[in-house]
Protein backbone atom coordinates (compact mmCIF):
# COMPACT_ATOMS: atom_id res chain seq x y z
CA UNK A 1 -10.02 6.24 -18.74
CA UNK A 2 -9.76 4.13 -15.08
CA UNK A 3 -6.27 4.35 -13.95
CA UNK A 4 -4.44 1.88 -11.19
CA UNK A 5 -5.54 4.98 -8.49
CA UNK A 6 -9.19 4.72 -9.36
CA UNK A 7 -9.20 0.77 -8.83
CA UNK A 8 -7.20 1.02 -5.54
CA UNK A 9 -9.78 3.53 -4.31
CA UNK A 10 -12.50 1.95 -5.49
CA UNK A 11 -11.91 -2.01 -3.91
CA UNK A 12 -11.19 0.85 -0.90
CA UNK A 13 -14.13 1.78 -0.76
CA UNK A 14 -15.91 -1.70 -0.96
CA UNK A 15 -14.82 -2.94 1.48
CA UNK A 16 -10.94 -4.55 0.76
CA UNK A 17 -7.91 -4.04 3.54
CA UNK A 18 -5.55 -0.95 1.93
CA UNK A 19 -2.87 -3.55 0.70
CA UNK A 20 -5.47 -5.45 -0.71
CA UNK A 21 -6.73 -2.56 -2.84
CA UNK A 22 -3.13 -1.00 -3.98
CA UNK A 23 -2.00 -4.53 -4.67
CA UNK A 24 -4.73 -5.86 -6.71
CA UNK A 25 -5.02 -2.42 -8.52
CA UNK A 26 -2.18 -3.55 -10.59
CA UNK A 27 -1.65 -6.94 -10.04
CA UNK A 28 -3.41 -7.99 -13.07
CA UNK A 29 -0.65 -5.75 -15.19
CA UNK A 30 1.53 -8.73 -14.32
CA UNK A 31 -0.73 -11.71 -15.32
CA UNK A 32 -1.61 -12.08 -11.78
CA UNK A 33 -5.46 -12.24 -11.53
CA UNK A 34 -7.04 -10.18 -9.27
CA UNK A 35 -8.36 -13.14 -6.84
CA UNK A 36 -4.63 -14.44 -6.26
CA UNK A 37 -3.71 -10.62 -5.54
CA UNK A 38 -6.53 -10.20 -3.17
CA UNK A 39 -5.36 -13.61 -1.52
CA UNK A 40 -1.75 -12.57 -1.39
CA UNK A 41 -2.39 -9.16 0.00
CA UNK A 42 -4.73 -10.39 2.68
CA UNK A 43 -3.18 -10.42 6.10
CA UNK A 44 -1.12 -6.92 5.19
CA UNK A 45 -4.26 -4.20 6.26
CA UNK A 46 -4.03 -2.68 9.07
CA UNK A 47 -0.21 -2.61 9.59
CA UNK A 48 -0.23 -6.13 8.52
CA UNK A 49 -3.30 -8.31 10.45
CA UNK A 50 -4.02 -4.60 12.16
CA UNK A 51 -1.05 -4.34 14.30
CA UNK A 52 -0.42 -1.09 13.69
CA UNK A 53 2.88 -1.78 11.57
CA UNK A 54 3.82 -0.60 8.01
CA UNK A 55 0.81 0.94 6.56
CA UNK A 56 -0.91 -1.64 4.70
CA UNK A 57 -0.98 0.84 1.80
CA UNK A 58 2.88 0.96 1.68
CA UNK A 59 2.82 -2.90 1.57
CA UNK A 60 0.44 -3.47 -0.99
CA UNK A 61 2.44 -1.15 -2.77
CA UNK A 62 5.66 -2.76 -2.11
CA UNK A 63 4.70 -5.65 -3.19
CA UNK A 64 3.35 -4.41 -6.96
CA UNK A 65 6.70 -2.62 -7.19
CA UNK A 66 8.48 -6.67 -6.76
CA UNK A 67 6.40 -7.41 -9.84
CA UNK A 68 8.24 -5.32 -12.14
CA UNK A 69 11.13 -4.55 -9.92
CA UNK A 70 12.22 -7.89 -8.22
CA UNK A 71 14.41 -10.39 -8.07
CA UNK A 72 14.28 -14.09 -8.55
CA UNK A 73 17.85 -14.86 -7.91
CA UNK A 74 20.27 -13.93 -5.20
CA UNK A 75 21.45 -10.85 -7.25
CA UNK A 76 19.14 -7.64 -8.00
CA UNK A 77 18.40 -6.85 -4.82
CA UNK A 78 20.12 -3.68 -4.20
CA UNK A 79 17.74 -2.27 -7.32
CA UNK A 80 14.82 -3.90 -5.56
CA UNK A 81 15.67 -2.67 -2.37
CA UNK A 82 16.58 1.19 -4.19
CA UNK A 83 13.19 1.29 -5.75
CA UNK A 84 11.74 0.31 -2.69
CA UNK A 85 13.61 2.92 -0.44
CA UNK A 86 12.24 5.33 -3.11
CA UNK A 87 8.75 4.72 -2.84
CA UNK A 88 9.23 4.47 1.12
CA UNK A 89 10.99 8.01 1.04
CA UNK A 90 8.06 9.69 -1.44
CA UNK A 91 5.26 8.34 1.02
CA UNK A 92 7.23 9.18 4.26
CA UNK A 93 7.89 12.79 2.55
CA UNK A 94 4.23 13.29 2.43
CA UNK A 95 2.70 11.67 5.30
CA UNK A 96 5.76 11.82 8.08
CA UNK A 97 5.83 7.78 8.31
CA UNK A 98 4.93 4.79 7.27
CA UNK A 99 3.96 3.21 10.43
CA UNK A 100 -0.03 2.63 10.72
CA UNK A 101 -0.88 3.28 14.14
CA UNK A 102 0.87 6.98 13.74
CA UNK A 103 -0.39 7.40 10.70
CA UNK A 104 -3.68 6.90 11.78
CA UNK A 105 -3.32 7.92 15.65
CA UNK A 106 -5.32 4.86 16.88
CA UNK A 107 -3.88 1.25 18.08
CA UNK A 108 -5.90 -1.12 15.62
CA UNK A 109 -4.24 -4.19 17.62
CA UNK A 110 -6.56 -3.10 20.57
CA UNK A 111 -10.86 -3.33 20.83
CA UNK A 112 -10.38 0.52 22.39
CA UNK A 113 -8.00 1.82 19.53
CA UNK A 114 -10.50 -0.09 16.66
CA UNK A 115 -13.12 1.40 18.26
CA UNK A 116 -11.77 4.90 18.59
CA UNK A 117 -11.08 4.15 14.71
CA UNK A 118 -14.27 3.79 13.94
CA UNK A 119 -16.20 6.85 15.59
CA UNK A 120 -13.24 8.94 14.29
CA UNK A 121 -13.77 7.65 10.72
CA UNK A 122 -10.14 7.23 9.98
CA UNK A 123 -11.53 4.27 7.81
CA UNK A 124 -13.32 7.10 5.50
CA UNK A 125 -11.65 10.42 6.46
CA UNK A 126 -7.57 8.90 6.16
CA UNK A 127 -7.32 5.79 4.84
CA UNK A 128 -8.22 6.51 1.29
CA UNK A 129 -5.52 9.28 1.34
CA UNK A 130 -2.79 6.60 2.38
CA UNK A 131 -4.05 4.24 -0.48
CA UNK A 132 -4.28 7.11 -3.28
CA UNK A 133 -0.82 8.12 -2.30
CA UNK A 134 0.59 5.20 -2.15
CA UNK A 135 -0.64 4.06 -5.88
CA UNK A 136 0.02 6.91 -7.56
CA UNK A 137 3.42 6.92 -6.40
CA UNK A 138 3.98 2.96 -8.04
CA UNK A 139 2.42 4.57 -11.22
CA UNK A 140 5.21 6.80 -11.21
CA UNK A 141 7.82 4.20 -9.85
CA UNK A 142 6.77 1.39 -12.31
CA UNK A 143 7.19 4.09 -15.10
CA UNK A 144 10.43 5.28 -14.30
CA UNK A 145 12.17 4.51 -10.78
CA UNK A 146 14.46 7.00 -11.14
CA UNK A 147 12.63 10.16 -11.44
CA UNK A 148 14.23 12.73 -9.58
CA UNK A 149 12.29 14.58 -7.30
């Protein structure tokens, strides 16, 4: 059986960004096509357009959670934020931060930082673990957003 985590890792290995990989692994379960999911998540890789902000895997994970726990009215935001905070807390517990440049130790917004990332093979050595962990957390939270750690 292929899990969403397996799909996310496979997409990342194919060259999709971390955000695309995580979000597109879950989106079809909520009626969003793979193509739409890949497009929607495309600007969030590398910490939002390679700026090193929030990790793209986390952004994709938050987008995936919003498909189940998001709100379409002004009410209900508290529950959405609660689930989102849970995802962030779990990711931070495992990795210490959700900030891309801190996770990978490089600033992708500069040519030098991008070169350093390639030389250190962070896209092969670090990022797959981030994609896997983000997808695993989403899968657990989609089953039950209130699991006690």
